N, C-alpha and C. Protein backbone atom coordinates (compact mmCIF):
# COMPACT_ATOMS: atom_id res chain seq x y z
N UNK A 1 24.20 19.39 40.26
CA UNK A 1 23.32 18.50 41.31
C UNK A 1 21.88 19.28 40.98
N UNK A 2 21.05 18.07 41.00
CA UNK A 2 19.38 18.42 40.90
C UNK A 2 18.95 18.71 42.13
N UNK A 3 18.05 19.81 41.95
CA UNK A 3 17.28 20.55 42.94
C UNK A 3 16.32 19.44 43.56
N UNK A 4 16.33 19.52 44.86
CA UNK A 4 15.19 18.57 45.65
C UNK A 4 13.86 19.31 45.59
N UNK A 5 13.01 18.34 45.04
CA UNK A 5 11.50 18.70 45.07
C UNK A 5 10.79 18.68 46.61
N UNK A 6 10.21 19.68 46.75
CA UNK A 6 9.46 19.71 48.15
C UNK A 6 7.95 19.29 47.85
N UNK A 7 7.72 18.31 48.29
CA UNK A 7 6.25 17.52 48.08
C UNK A 7 5.34 18.59 48.51
N UNK A 8 5.56 19.27 49.70
CA UNK A 8 4.53 20.26 50.18
C UNK A 8 4.28 21.32 49.41
N UNK A 9 5.13 21.90 48.45
CA UNK A 9 4.94 22.82 47.59
C UNK A 9 4.23 22.22 46.45
N UNK A 10 4.39 21.27 45.89
CA UNK A 10 3.77 20.54 44.86
C UNK A 10 2.38 20.29 45.41
N UNK A 11 2.06 19.80 46.60
CA UNK A 11 0.62 19.47 46.98
C UNK A 11 -0.20 20.73 47.26
N UNK A 12 0.51 21.84 47.73
CA UNK A 12 -0.15 23.23 47.95
C UNK A 12 -0.53 23.90 46.49
N UNK A 13 0.47 23.71 45.39
CA UNK A 13 0.14 24.19 44.15
C UNK A 13 -1.02 23.66 43.55
N UNK A 14 -0.92 22.25 43.59
CA UNK A 14 -1.98 21.45 43.08
C UNK A 14 -3.40 21.82 43.93
N UNK A 15 -3.26 22.12 45.08
CA UNK A 15 -4.58 22.45 45.60
C UNK A 15 -4.99 23.84 45.12
N UNK A 16 -4.05 24.74 45.02
CA UNK A 16 -4.46 26.08 44.51
C UNK A 16 -5.19 25.96 43.07
N UNK A 17 -4.22 25.09 42.20
CA UNK A 17 -4.78 24.84 40.80
C UNK A 17 -5.98 24.20 40.71
N UNK A 18 -6.54 23.35 41.47
CA UNK A 18 -7.72 22.78 41.63
C UNK A 18 -8.75 23.61 42.13
N UNK A 19 -8.46 24.56 43.00
CA UNK A 19 -9.45 25.45 43.76
C UNK A 19 -9.86 26.56 42.55
N UNK A 20 -8.76 26.91 41.92
CA UNK A 20 -9.14 27.92 40.96
C UNK A 20 -9.96 27.24 39.72
N UNK A 21 -9.44 26.22 39.13
CA UNK A 21 -10.39 25.54 38.26
C UNK A 21 -11.83 25.31 38.75
N UNK A 22 -12.07 24.79 40.01
CA UNK A 22 -13.38 24.76 40.53
C UNK A 22 -14.06 26.11 40.63
N UNK A 23 -13.43 27.12 40.94
CA UNK A 23 -14.03 28.53 40.92
C UNK A 23 -14.44 28.85 39.57
N UNK A 24 -13.56 28.51 38.61
CA UNK A 24 -13.89 28.94 37.25
C UNK A 24 -15.06 28.42 36.76
N UNK A 25 -15.38 27.35 37.37
CA UNK A 25 -16.66 26.64 36.76
C UNK A 25 -18.02 27.56 37.01
N UNK A 26 -17.84 28.46 37.99
CA UNK A 26 -19.21 29.20 38.37
C UNK A 26 -19.00 30.70 38.25
N UNK A 27 -17.69 31.07 38.30
CA UNK A 27 -17.29 32.50 38.14
C UNK A 27 -16.40 32.84 37.09
N UNK A 28 -16.41 34.03 36.35
CA UNK A 28 -15.44 34.49 35.47
C UNK A 28 -13.97 34.76 36.42
N UNK A 29 -12.84 34.88 35.78
CA UNK A 29 -11.63 34.98 36.49
C UNK A 29 -11.66 36.22 37.13
N UNK A 30 -12.28 37.32 36.43
CA UNK A 30 -12.19 38.57 36.92
C UNK A 30 -13.01 38.55 38.28
N UNK A 31 -14.06 37.80 38.37
CA UNK A 31 -14.71 37.93 39.67
C UNK A 31 -14.15 37.24 40.77
N UNK A 32 -13.10 36.46 40.47
CA UNK A 32 -12.51 35.45 41.64
C UNK A 32 -11.49 36.48 42.16
N UNK A 33 -11.45 36.28 43.68
CA UNK A 33 -10.51 37.02 44.43
C UNK A 33 -9.70 36.05 45.00
N UNK A 34 -8.48 36.59 45.47
CA UNK A 34 -7.39 35.74 46.19
C UNK A 34 -8.20 35.28 47.58
N UNK A 35 -9.01 36.08 48.04
CA UNK A 35 -9.60 35.60 49.37
C UNK A 35 -10.67 34.23 49.13
N UNK A 36 -11.18 34.45 47.82
CA UNK A 36 -12.05 33.26 47.58
C UNK A 36 -11.24 32.04 47.52
N UNK A 37 -10.03 32.14 46.67
CA UNK A 37 -9.38 31.16 46.53
C UNK A 37 -8.81 30.37 47.79
N UNK A 38 -8.23 31.25 48.62
CA UNK A 38 -7.92 31.11 49.99
C UNK A 38 -9.11 30.15 50.79
N UNK A 39 -10.00 30.92 50.61
CA UNK A 39 -11.34 30.28 51.70
C UNK A 39 -11.72 28.85 50.82
N UNK A 40 -11.92 28.78 49.77
CA UNK A 40 -12.11 27.70 48.98
C UNK A 40 -11.11 26.49 49.36
N UNK A 41 -9.84 26.85 49.31
CA UNK A 41 -8.80 25.88 49.53
C UNK A 41 -8.48 25.70 50.87
N UNK A 42 -9.05 26.33 51.77
CA UNK A 42 -8.83 26.23 53.37
C UNK A 42 -7.36 26.29 53.58
N UNK A 43 -6.86 27.41 53.06
CA UNK A 43 -5.42 28.00 53.42
C UNK A 43 -5.48 29.27 53.85
N UNK A 44 -4.49 29.95 54.45
CA UNK A 44 -4.30 31.22 54.70
C UNK A 44 -3.80 31.94 53.79
N UNK A 45 -4.15 33.39 53.44
CA UNK A 45 -3.59 34.27 52.70
C UNK A 45 -2.01 34.25 52.52
N UNK A 46 -1.48 34.02 53.62
CA UNK A 46 -0.08 34.09 53.84
C UNK A 46 0.65 32.74 53.04
N UNK A 47 -0.02 31.74 53.05
CA UNK A 47 0.33 30.33 52.28
C UNK A 47 0.23 30.69 50.76
N UNK A 48 -1.02 31.29 50.35
CA UNK A 48 -1.11 31.74 48.94
C UNK A 48 0.03 32.64 48.65
N UNK A 49 0.21 33.74 49.38
CA UNK A 49 1.29 34.71 48.92
C UNK A 49 2.80 34.24 48.95
N UNK A 50 2.92 32.95 49.62
CA UNK A 50 4.33 32.48 49.68
C UNK A 50 4.59 31.82 48.48
N UNK A 51 3.55 31.49 47.65
CA UNK A 51 3.64 30.78 46.36
C UNK A 51 3.46 31.80 45.12
N UNK A 52 2.63 32.65 45.19
CA UNK A 52 2.12 33.50 44.18
C UNK A 52 2.08 34.98 44.72
N UNK A 53 2.26 35.83 43.84
CA UNK A 53 2.15 37.48 44.10
C UNK A 53 0.74 37.73 43.97
N UNK A 54 -0.16 36.96 43.09
CA UNK A 54 -1.43 37.49 42.96
C UNK A 54 -2.00 36.29 41.97
N UNK A 55 -3.56 36.51 41.92
CA UNK A 55 -4.23 35.48 41.12
C UNK A 55 -3.87 35.22 39.75
N UNK A 56 -3.21 36.26 39.12
CA UNK A 56 -2.70 36.19 37.65
C UNK A 56 -1.54 35.38 37.50
N UNK A 57 -0.59 35.41 38.63
CA UNK A 57 0.63 34.55 38.63
C UNK A 57 0.09 33.01 38.69
N UNK A 58 -0.81 32.86 39.62
CA UNK A 58 -1.51 31.50 39.71
C UNK A 58 -2.11 31.02 38.59
N UNK A 59 -2.79 31.76 37.77
CA UNK A 59 -3.26 31.46 36.48
C UNK A 59 -2.37 31.17 35.46
N UNK A 60 -1.28 32.05 35.41
CA UNK A 60 -0.26 31.92 34.46
C UNK A 60 0.65 30.47 34.76
N UNK A 61 0.68 30.15 35.97
CA UNK A 61 1.52 28.98 36.25
C UNK A 61 0.41 27.60 35.92
N UNK A 62 -0.75 27.87 36.34
CA UNK A 62 -1.73 26.91 35.75
C UNK A 62 -1.80 26.40 34.46
N UNK A 63 -1.69 27.60 33.65
CA UNK A 63 -1.73 27.37 32.03
C UNK A 63 -0.49 26.99 31.73
N UNK A 64 0.66 27.42 32.33
CA UNK A 64 1.98 26.85 31.74
C UNK A 64 2.01 25.13 31.98
N UNK A 65 1.35 24.66 33.26
CA UNK A 65 1.31 23.42 33.51
C UNK A 65 0.54 22.51 32.64
N UNK A 66 -0.64 23.19 32.13
CA UNK A 66 -1.41 22.53 31.12
C UNK A 66 -0.65 22.59 29.66
N UNK A 67 0.03 23.60 29.36
CA UNK A 67 0.64 23.55 27.95
C UNK A 67 1.82 22.35 28.20
N UNK A 68 2.31 22.50 29.36
CA UNK A 68 3.66 21.45 29.49
C UNK A 68 3.00 20.17 29.21
N UNK A 69 1.92 19.68 29.88
CA UNK A 69 1.22 18.34 29.76
C UNK A 69 1.08 18.10 28.28
N UNK A 70 0.38 19.13 27.49
CA UNK A 70 0.11 18.86 26.16
C UNK A 70 1.40 18.71 25.26
N UNK A 71 2.23 19.64 25.55
CA UNK A 71 3.66 19.61 24.83
C UNK A 71 4.07 18.35 25.08
N UNK A 72 4.18 17.65 26.19
CA UNK A 72 4.86 16.29 26.42
C UNK A 72 3.95 15.36 25.63
N UNK A 73 2.80 15.38 25.68
CA UNK A 73 1.83 14.40 24.91
C UNK A 73 2.23 14.72 23.26
N UNK A 74 2.29 15.81 22.59
CA UNK A 74 2.71 16.15 21.27
C UNK A 74 4.04 15.41 20.97
N UNK A 75 5.20 15.48 21.87
CA UNK A 75 6.13 15.08 21.69
C UNK A 75 6.41 13.63 21.62
N UNK A 76 5.54 12.89 21.89
CA UNK A 76 5.20 11.47 21.65
C UNK A 76 4.97 11.02 20.27
N UNK A 77 4.34 11.82 19.45
CA UNK A 77 4.11 11.77 18.10
C UNK A 77 5.22 11.62 17.43
N UNK A 78 6.03 10.54 17.55
CA UNK A 78 7.52 10.47 16.61
C UNK A 78 7.29 9.71 15.36
N UNK A 79 6.44 8.71 15.08
CA UNK A 79 6.28 8.02 13.94
C UNK A 79 5.75 8.71 12.82
N UNK A 80 6.55 9.78 12.36
CA UNK A 80 6.10 10.56 11.07
C UNK A 80 6.70 9.90 9.76
N UNK A 81 5.87 9.47 9.00
CA UNK A 81 5.87 9.18 7.48
C UNK A 81 5.73 10.33 6.72
N UNK A 82 4.64 11.07 6.78
CA UNK A 82 4.38 12.09 5.81
C UNK A 82 3.61 13.10 6.70
N UNK A 83 3.34 14.18 6.00
CA UNK A 83 2.76 15.36 6.70
C UNK A 83 1.32 14.98 7.29
N UNK A 84 0.48 14.18 6.48
CA UNK A 84 -0.97 13.82 6.83
C UNK A 84 -0.87 13.03 8.12
N UNK A 85 0.08 11.87 8.08
CA UNK A 85 0.14 11.09 9.51
C UNK A 85 0.58 11.88 10.42
N UNK A 86 1.39 12.91 10.27
CA UNK A 86 2.03 13.76 11.55
C UNK A 86 0.59 14.45 12.06
N UNK A 87 -0.01 15.26 11.09
CA UNK A 87 -1.07 16.05 11.85
C UNK A 87 -2.34 15.25 12.18
N UNK A 88 -2.63 14.23 11.66
CA UNK A 88 -3.71 13.33 11.96
C UNK A 88 -3.44 12.74 13.37
N UNK A 89 -2.35 12.24 13.63
CA UNK A 89 -1.84 11.81 14.95
C UNK A 89 -1.69 13.08 15.98
N UNK A 90 -1.27 14.25 15.46
CA UNK A 90 -1.26 15.29 16.46
C UNK A 90 -2.81 15.76 16.87
N UNK A 91 -3.69 15.62 15.88
CA UNK A 91 -5.06 15.84 16.24
C UNK A 91 -5.52 15.01 17.15
N UNK A 92 -5.26 13.74 16.90
CA UNK A 92 -5.74 12.62 17.96
C UNK A 92 -5.13 12.92 19.29
N UNK A 93 -3.83 13.10 19.35
CA UNK A 93 -3.49 13.61 20.77
C UNK A 93 -3.91 14.64 21.57
N UNK A 94 -4.21 15.88 20.70
CA UNK A 94 -4.83 17.02 21.26
C UNK A 94 -6.22 16.71 21.58
N UNK A 95 -6.81 15.86 20.75
CA UNK A 95 -8.42 15.66 21.08
C UNK A 95 -8.45 14.51 22.29
N UNK A 96 -7.55 13.75 22.49
CA UNK A 96 -7.69 12.88 23.78
C UNK A 96 -7.12 13.80 25.02
N UNK A 97 -6.30 14.75 24.74
CA UNK A 97 -5.93 15.65 25.81
C UNK A 97 -7.06 16.60 26.29
N UNK A 98 -7.92 17.18 25.31
CA UNK A 98 -9.01 17.93 25.27
C UNK A 98 -10.14 17.04 26.01
N UNK A 99 -10.25 15.72 25.52
CA UNK A 99 -11.45 15.09 26.10
C UNK A 99 -11.15 14.64 27.60
N UNK A 100 -9.83 14.56 27.96
CA UNK A 100 -9.52 14.08 29.24
C UNK A 100 -9.70 15.14 30.32
N UNK A 101 -9.35 16.50 29.60
CA UNK A 101 -9.63 17.79 30.63
C UNK A 101 -10.86 18.65 30.27
N UNK A 102 -11.70 17.91 29.54
CA UNK A 102 -13.07 18.59 29.19
C UNK A 102 -13.63 19.35 30.11
N UNK A 103 -13.77 19.11 31.43
CA UNK A 103 -14.49 19.70 32.39
C UNK A 103 -13.73 20.98 32.78
N UNK A 104 -12.37 20.90 32.88
CA UNK A 104 -11.62 22.29 33.08
C UNK A 104 -11.67 23.20 31.92
N UNK A 105 -11.47 22.63 30.89
CA UNK A 105 -11.38 23.56 29.72
C UNK A 105 -12.90 24.14 29.33
N UNK A 106 -13.98 23.30 29.53
CA UNK A 106 -15.20 23.90 29.40
C UNK A 106 -15.47 25.05 30.31
N UNK A 107 -15.29 24.62 31.63
CA UNK A 107 -15.60 25.80 32.56
C UNK A 107 -14.59 27.06 32.47
N UNK A 108 -13.57 26.90 31.88
CA UNK A 108 -12.64 28.25 31.55
C UNK A 108 -13.16 28.91 30.32
N UNK A 109 -13.76 28.13 29.28
CA UNK A 109 -14.32 28.72 27.98
C UNK A 109 -15.67 29.39 28.28
N UNK A 110 -16.56 28.84 29.11
CA UNK A 110 -17.97 29.20 29.49
C UNK A 110 -18.08 30.27 30.25
N UNK A 111 -17.15 30.44 31.31
CA UNK A 111 -17.31 31.56 32.00
C UNK A 111 -16.29 32.45 31.88
N UNK A 112 -15.49 32.53 30.85
CA UNK A 112 -14.37 33.37 30.91
C UNK A 112 -14.42 33.79 29.49
N UNK A 113 -14.47 35.07 29.07
CA UNK A 113 -14.54 35.76 27.70
C UNK A 113 -13.10 35.80 27.12
N UNK A 114 -12.14 35.19 27.85
CA UNK A 114 -10.74 35.44 27.28
C UNK A 114 -10.13 33.98 26.55
N UNK A 115 -9.05 34.13 26.19
CA UNK A 115 -8.63 33.03 25.32
C UNK A 115 -7.66 32.17 25.89
N UNK A 116 -7.86 31.79 27.13
CA UNK A 116 -6.98 30.87 27.96
C UNK A 116 -6.86 29.69 27.19
N UNK A 117 -8.02 28.89 26.98
CA UNK A 117 -7.78 27.74 26.31
C UNK A 117 -7.33 27.53 25.07
N UNK A 118 -7.59 28.72 24.11
CA UNK A 118 -7.07 28.90 22.73
C UNK A 118 -5.34 28.92 22.85
N UNK A 119 -5.00 29.89 23.90
CA UNK A 119 -3.72 30.04 23.98
C UNK A 119 -2.86 28.56 24.44
N UNK A 120 -3.46 27.90 25.11
CA UNK A 120 -2.74 26.59 25.52
C UNK A 120 -2.71 25.76 24.26
N UNK A 121 -3.88 25.77 23.46
CA UNK A 121 -3.73 24.77 22.34
C UNK A 121 -2.86 25.37 21.21
N UNK A 122 -3.12 26.69 21.04
CA UNK A 122 -2.16 27.28 19.95
C UNK A 122 -0.63 27.35 20.17
N UNK A 123 -0.36 27.75 21.48
CA UNK A 123 1.25 27.70 21.87
C UNK A 123 1.64 26.44 21.81
N UNK A 124 0.98 25.26 22.04
CA UNK A 124 1.71 23.96 22.24
C UNK A 124 1.61 23.56 20.85
N UNK A 125 0.86 23.55 20.03
CA UNK A 125 0.89 23.00 18.66
C UNK A 125 1.82 23.92 17.83
N UNK A 126 1.76 25.32 18.13
CA UNK A 126 2.94 25.99 17.15
C UNK A 126 4.21 25.63 17.59
N UNK A 127 4.58 25.27 18.75
CA UNK A 127 5.76 24.89 19.24
C UNK A 127 6.24 23.50 18.60
N UNK A 128 5.32 22.58 18.64
CA UNK A 128 5.46 21.21 18.01
C UNK A 128 5.63 21.27 16.48
N UNK A 129 4.70 22.11 15.71
CA UNK A 129 5.04 22.34 14.25
C UNK A 129 6.42 22.88 13.80
N UNK A 130 6.62 23.87 14.59
CA UNK A 130 7.85 24.75 14.30
C UNK A 130 9.26 23.61 14.48
N UNK A 131 8.93 22.77 15.51
CA UNK A 131 10.14 21.85 15.84
C UNK A 131 10.18 20.59 14.81
N UNK A 132 9.06 20.43 14.07
CA UNK A 132 9.03 19.30 13.02
C UNK A 132 9.35 19.70 11.81
N UNK A 133 9.22 21.10 11.42
CA UNK A 133 9.44 21.58 9.90
C UNK A 133 10.91 21.49 9.72
N UNK A 134 11.51 20.81 8.91
CA UNK A 134 12.76 20.86 8.65
C UNK A 134 13.23 21.40 7.20
N UNK A 135 14.45 21.65 6.90
CA UNK A 135 14.76 22.13 5.61
C UNK A 135 14.22 21.37 4.58
N UNK A 136 14.42 19.93 4.71
CA UNK A 136 14.15 19.07 3.64
C UNK A 136 12.69 19.44 2.94
N UNK A 137 11.69 19.30 4.18
CA UNK A 137 10.31 19.65 3.82
C UNK A 137 10.02 20.96 3.11
N UNK A 138 10.78 21.98 3.46
CA UNK A 138 10.65 23.32 2.93
C UNK A 138 11.28 23.24 1.78
N UNK A 139 12.39 22.73 1.32
CA UNK A 139 12.81 22.94 -0.05
C UNK A 139 11.99 22.12 -1.31
N UNK A 140 11.19 21.25 -0.72
CA UNK A 140 10.31 20.39 -1.55
C UNK A 140 9.33 21.24 -1.97
N UNK A 141 8.51 21.88 -1.11
CA UNK A 141 7.41 22.59 -1.29
C UNK A 141 7.70 24.22 -1.63
N UNK A 142 8.84 24.63 -1.32
CA UNK A 142 9.22 26.20 -1.48
C UNK A 142 8.16 26.94 -0.84
N UNK A 143 7.69 26.42 0.37
CA UNK A 143 6.67 27.17 1.21
C UNK A 143 7.43 27.58 2.46
N UNK A 144 7.47 29.04 2.84
CA UNK A 144 8.19 29.35 3.99
C UNK A 144 7.63 28.77 5.35
N UNK A 145 8.50 28.35 6.18
CA UNK A 145 8.12 27.70 7.30
C UNK A 145 6.91 28.40 8.18
N UNK A 146 7.05 29.78 8.38
CA UNK A 146 6.09 30.35 9.01
C UNK A 146 4.72 30.31 8.50
N UNK A 147 4.62 30.10 7.00
CA UNK A 147 3.39 30.14 6.41
C UNK A 147 2.75 28.62 6.73
N UNK A 148 3.51 27.58 6.48
CA UNK A 148 3.20 26.18 6.74
C UNK A 148 2.46 26.20 8.28
N UNK A 149 3.52 26.61 9.11
CA UNK A 149 3.17 26.59 10.63
C UNK A 149 1.89 27.30 10.91
N UNK A 150 1.66 28.49 10.56
CA UNK A 150 0.42 29.24 10.93
C UNK A 150 -0.77 28.64 10.25
N UNK A 151 -0.71 28.05 8.94
CA UNK A 151 -1.84 27.42 8.30
C UNK A 151 -2.23 26.33 9.12
N UNK A 152 -1.37 25.21 9.31
CA UNK A 152 -1.71 24.18 10.08
C UNK A 152 -2.24 24.46 11.58
N UNK A 153 -1.48 25.47 12.02
CA UNK A 153 -1.66 25.82 13.69
C UNK A 153 -3.17 26.26 13.63
N UNK A 154 -3.46 27.08 12.88
CA UNK A 154 -4.96 27.79 13.15
C UNK A 154 -5.88 26.69 12.60
N UNK A 155 -5.79 25.84 11.78
CA UNK A 155 -6.61 24.76 11.29
C UNK A 155 -6.82 23.86 12.47
N UNK A 156 -5.74 23.48 12.89
CA UNK A 156 -5.80 22.32 13.99
C UNK A 156 -6.56 22.97 15.33
N UNK A 157 -5.95 24.05 15.76
CA UNK A 157 -6.42 24.78 16.90
C UNK A 157 -7.95 25.30 16.74
N UNK A 158 -8.25 25.56 15.64
CA UNK A 158 -9.69 26.13 15.37
C UNK A 158 -10.55 25.03 15.47
N UNK A 159 -10.21 23.80 14.72
CA UNK A 159 -11.14 22.72 14.97
C UNK A 159 -11.17 22.05 16.38
N UNK A 160 -10.23 21.97 17.10
CA UNK A 160 -10.16 21.67 18.43
C UNK A 160 -10.99 22.50 19.35
N UNK A 161 -10.69 23.70 19.22
CA UNK A 161 -11.46 24.66 20.09
C UNK A 161 -13.20 24.71 19.91
N UNK A 162 -13.36 24.60 18.61
CA UNK A 162 -14.95 24.36 18.15
C UNK A 162 -15.40 23.25 18.56
N UNK A 163 -14.64 22.28 18.56
CA UNK A 163 -15.20 20.95 19.01
C UNK A 163 -15.39 21.01 20.59
N UNK A 164 -14.70 21.57 21.23
CA UNK A 164 -14.76 21.91 22.60
C UNK A 164 -16.08 22.65 23.06
N UNK A 165 -16.17 23.66 22.37
CA UNK A 165 -17.02 24.91 22.76
C UNK A 165 -18.43 24.10 22.08
N UNK A 166 -18.55 23.34 21.14
CA UNK A 166 -19.83 22.78 20.82
C UNK A 166 -20.00 21.34 21.35
N UNK A 167 -19.45 21.25 22.58
CA UNK A 167 -19.69 20.11 23.56
C UNK A 167 -19.43 18.86 22.77
N UNK A 168 -18.24 18.66 22.00
CA UNK A 168 -17.81 17.39 21.51
C UNK A 168 -18.91 16.96 20.76
N UNK A 169 -19.44 18.03 19.68
CA UNK A 169 -20.63 17.36 18.88
C UNK A 169 -20.35 16.17 18.08
N UNK A 170 -19.15 16.00 17.40
CA UNK A 170 -18.89 14.87 16.73
C UNK A 170 -17.98 14.00 17.61
N UNK A 171 -18.32 12.77 17.19
CA UNK A 171 -17.24 11.61 17.77
C UNK A 171 -15.87 11.95 17.31
N UNK A 172 -14.84 11.59 18.33
CA UNK A 172 -13.50 12.00 18.18
C UNK A 172 -13.03 11.19 16.92
N UNK A 173 -13.30 9.89 16.81
CA UNK A 173 -12.76 9.20 15.69
C UNK A 173 -13.39 9.74 14.24
N UNK A 174 -14.77 10.33 14.38
CA UNK A 174 -15.17 10.82 13.03
C UNK A 174 -14.33 11.94 12.86
N UNK A 175 -14.29 12.82 13.71
CA UNK A 175 -13.65 14.22 13.51
C UNK A 175 -12.09 14.10 13.11
N UNK A 176 -11.66 12.97 13.55
CA UNK A 176 -10.18 12.70 12.82
C UNK A 176 -10.17 12.14 11.56
N UNK A 177 -11.12 11.54 11.10
CA UNK A 177 -11.23 11.14 9.87
C UNK A 177 -11.76 12.21 8.99
N UNK A 178 -12.79 13.01 9.26
CA UNK A 178 -13.03 14.30 8.45
C UNK A 178 -11.76 14.97 8.11
N UNK A 179 -10.90 15.42 9.15
CA UNK A 179 -9.68 15.97 8.93
C UNK A 179 -8.74 15.27 8.13
N UNK A 180 -8.41 14.08 8.24
CA UNK A 180 -7.52 13.21 7.54
C UNK A 180 -7.88 13.36 6.16
N UNK A 181 -9.26 13.39 5.89
CA UNK A 181 -9.58 13.24 4.60
C UNK A 181 -9.23 14.85 3.77
N UNK A 182 -8.97 15.67 4.58
CA UNK A 182 -8.74 17.11 3.99
C UNK A 182 -7.20 17.42 4.24
N UNK A 183 -6.55 16.76 4.81
CA UNK A 183 -4.98 16.92 4.56
C UNK A 183 -4.26 16.18 3.72
N UNK A 184 -3.32 16.99 2.93
CA UNK A 184 -2.52 16.36 1.81
C UNK A 184 -1.34 15.49 2.55
N UNK A 185 -0.74 14.43 1.74
CA UNK A 185 0.18 13.63 2.31
C UNK A 185 1.47 14.44 2.70
N UNK A 186 1.86 15.42 1.88
CA UNK A 186 3.12 16.01 2.22
C UNK A 186 2.97 17.59 1.84
N UNK A 187 3.74 18.34 2.44
CA UNK A 187 3.81 19.92 2.23
C UNK A 187 3.80 20.47 0.77
């Protein structure tokens, strides 16, 4: 039997996510207090604590939701003919996701010296790559899966994070073309 979803809980959590995101635009996470979140969201502390034990748990939940959205987007990358097409489409999906969430991600990067955004991208990409590498790909190139995964993981995530940190310096389509020209057709 499927558990019934309480819309009030979803609404409150979304309010807390958005409030935290708004606060991250002007303060570092370390500077933000639960009282700041409650005051900005116009909720009581008891409401906050009925959902989260502290601001760290809220941040973890927010990051998990962002990862989940990115993973769901990456799972739509089904038409894989070769390695190059897979990675080019993966990069397109990630850049679309980053472009869509630019305001949130930039505020987190600029005001926070930690690796929240990098973790979201790296964890999501790593999961997708590991799910896609199969034994047939490995036997052709005789390269261990973890080496393949780490190579492409850091290349893709590094380019995406740099693009975001540099305020989307290159046009998305140009960046995709540059990357496409650097990737081999198969492992």
